[in-house]
Amino acid sequence: MSDFTGAEKANCVMWYEESKSIAQVQTKIRDIIKKKPPTPATIKKWHSLFKETGSVSVQKQLKSKKPKAKKTWVWLPKPPINRATAKRRMLKAFLNSFEEPPATESKDVDSPVTGKKSTPAQATAGKTKVKTKQETTV
């Protein structure tokens, strides 16, 4: 079967509507258009398509898609800083530059047994038990 243009398909549908005979439509196609006629199923398909849509061309129906939201960047200005806040921040940074870093000293830990304060090393030393050779070789 050869390809048919939209006008040729429309003529086939018009001839089929007039005569209601597929044989007469195929004869007119051979005589007037000078092409090999389409099958009866194809002519009926074109006719039903024309009745449904008003067109003989097959168009794919596009599914309606949700529109995608466009990504837009909005640059918001920084909130204004009043003069007092700016001065306070500058003064704090200036004073912090002169301070020495704090020394790492051990913190005091309250001993639950004696109520006295001890360093973490002393607190953990009393809790651990060291096994001797005599205990392991029983």
Protein backbone atom coordinates (compact mmCIF):
# COMPACT_ATOMS: atom_id res chain seq x y z
CA MET A 1 0.00 0.00 0.00
CA SER A 2 1.35 3.40 -0.89
CA ASP A 3 1.21 6.44 1.29
CA PHE A 4 -1.73 8.78 0.85
CA THR A 5 -1.79 12.51 1.48
CA GLY A 6 -4.44 14.13 3.62
CA ALA A 7 -6.31 15.36 0.52
CA GLU A 8 -6.33 11.87 -1.01
CA LYS A 9 -7.65 10.36 2.23
CA ALA A 10 -10.35 13.05 2.33
CA ASN A 11 -11.38 12.18 -1.25
CA CYS A 12 -11.61 8.50 -0.30
CA VAL A 13 -13.85 9.34 2.67
CA MET A 14 -16.02 11.62 0.49
CA TRP A 15 -16.39 8.94 -2.21
CA TYR A 16 -17.24 6.30 0.40
CA GLU A 17 -19.85 8.60 1.94
CA GLU A 18 -21.44 9.20 -1.48
CA SER A 19 -21.48 5.63 -2.78
CA LYS A 20 -21.32 3.47 0.41
CA SER A 21 -19.33 1.02 -1.73
CA ILE A 22 -15.70 0.19 -1.05
CA ALA A 23 -15.28 -1.36 -4.51
CA GLN A 24 -16.30 1.92 -6.20
CA VAL A 25 -13.90 3.89 -3.95
CA GLN A 26 -11.02 1.55 -4.85
CA THR A 27 -11.84 1.90 -8.55
CA LYS A 28 -11.84 5.72 -8.34
CA ILE A 29 -8.49 5.64 -6.52
CA ARG A 30 -6.97 3.49 -9.33
CA ASP A 31 -8.49 5.67 -12.08
CA ILE A 32 -8.13 9.21 -10.62
CA ILE A 33 -5.25 9.09 -8.11
CA LYS A 34 -3.31 6.40 -10.03
CA LYS A 35 -2.22 4.55 -6.88
CA LYS A 36 -2.79 1.10 -5.51
CA PRO A 37 -6.01 1.39 -3.46
CA PRO A 38 -5.98 0.86 0.32
CA THR A 39 -7.62 -2.13 1.95
CA PRO A 40 -11.32 -1.97 2.86
CA ALA A 41 -10.37 -1.90 6.56
CA THR A 42 -8.19 1.19 5.96
CA ILE A 43 -10.99 3.03 4.11
CA LYS A 44 -13.44 2.22 6.93
CA LYS A 45 -10.87 3.35 9.50
CA TRP A 46 -10.42 6.71 7.70
CA HIS A 47 -14.22 7.10 7.51
CA SER A 48 -14.77 6.40 11.21
CA LEU A 49 -11.85 8.67 12.15
CA PHE A 50 -13.39 11.47 10.08
CA LYS A 51 -16.76 11.00 11.77
CA GLU A 52 -15.18 11.08 15.25
CA THR A 53 -12.66 13.88 14.87
CA GLY A 54 -13.55 15.75 11.68
CA SER A 55 -10.11 14.97 10.28
CA VAL A 56 -8.59 12.07 8.36
CA SER A 57 -5.08 12.59 9.68
CA VAL A 58 -4.09 10.57 12.70
CA GLN A 59 -2.88 12.85 15.44
CA LYS A 60 -1.53 11.56 18.69
CA GLN A 61 -3.48 13.00 21.55
CA LEU A 62 -1.12 14.62 23.97
CA LYS A 63 -1.67 13.75 27.57
CA SER A 64 -2.16 16.77 29.68
CA LYS A 65 0.84 17.05 31.92
CA LYS A 66 1.10 19.12 34.99
CA PRO A 67 3.22 22.15 34.26
CA LYS A 68 6.55 21.93 35.97
CA ALA A 69 7.35 24.68 38.36
CA LYS A 70 10.26 26.72 37.18
CA LYS A 71 13.11 26.98 39.59
CA THR A 72 13.88 30.59 40.18
CA TRP A 73 16.37 32.03 42.56
CA VAL A 74 15.39 35.07 44.50
CA TRP A 75 18.18 37.03 46.07
CA LEU A 76 16.94 38.73 49.16
CA PRO A 77 18.94 41.57 50.64
CA LYS A 78 20.55 40.99 54.01
CA PRO A 79 18.65 42.56 56.84
CA PRO A 80 20.08 45.93 57.79
CA ILE A 81 22.38 46.01 60.82
CA ASN A 82 22.17 49.08 62.94
CA ARG A 83 25.34 50.91 63.93
CA ALA A 84 25.28 49.81 67.55
CA THR A 85 25.20 46.12 66.58
CA ALA A 86 28.04 46.56 64.10
CA LYS A 87 30.19 48.37 66.68
CA ARG A 88 29.47 45.72 69.31
CA ARG A 89 30.49 42.91 66.92
CA MET A 90 33.68 44.69 65.93
CA LEU A 91 34.62 45.39 69.56
CA LYS A 92 33.94 41.78 70.57
CA ALA A 93 36.12 40.44 67.74
CA PHE A 94 38.87 42.90 68.64
CA LEU A 95 38.85 41.91 72.32
CA ASN A 96 38.73 38.19 71.52
CA SER A 97 41.89 38.54 69.46
CA PHE A 98 43.85 39.43 72.64
CA GLU A 99 42.56 36.62 74.85
CA GLU A 100 44.66 33.53 75.35
CA PRO A 101 43.06 30.21 74.60
CA PRO A 102 41.84 28.49 77.77
CA ALA A 103 44.26 25.96 79.24
CA THR A 104 43.10 22.36 79.21
CA GLU A 105 42.85 21.51 82.85
CA SER A 106 41.08 18.51 84.27
CA LYS A 107 37.67 19.33 85.61
CA ASP A 108 36.70 18.43 89.15
CA VAL A 109 34.34 15.51 89.48
CA ASP A 110 32.24 14.89 92.56
CA SER A 111 32.93 11.50 94.10
CA PRO A 112 29.69 9.77 95.05
CA VAL A 113 31.37 7.78 97.84
CA THR A 114 33.38 10.38 99.75
CA GLY A 115 31.66 13.57 98.65
CA LYS A 116 35.08 14.99 97.87
CA LYS A 117 36.11 16.43 94.56
CA SER A 118 38.63 14.51 92.54
CA THR A 119 40.04 14.59 89.03
CA PRO A 120 38.61 12.24 86.38
CA ALA A 121 41.75 10.09 86.49
CA GLN A 122 41.34 9.55 90.23
CA ALA A 123 37.64 8.83 89.90
CA THR A 124 38.16 6.06 87.35
CA ALA A 125 41.19 4.58 89.14
CA GLY A 126 39.12 3.51 92.14
CA LYS A 127 36.52 1.75 89.99
CA THR A 128 38.84 -0.53 88.02
CA LYS A 129 40.17 -3.74 89.49
CA VAL A 130 43.51 -5.05 88.40
CA LYS A 131 43.83 -8.81 88.20
CA THR A 132 46.97 -10.34 89.57
CA LYS A 133 48.64 -13.63 88.65
CA GLN A 134 47.31 -15.32 91.78
CA GLU A 135 43.68 -14.57 90.87
CA THR A 136 43.97 -15.82 87.32
CA THR A 137 45.65 -19.14 88.16
CA VAL A 138 43.16 -20.74 90.45
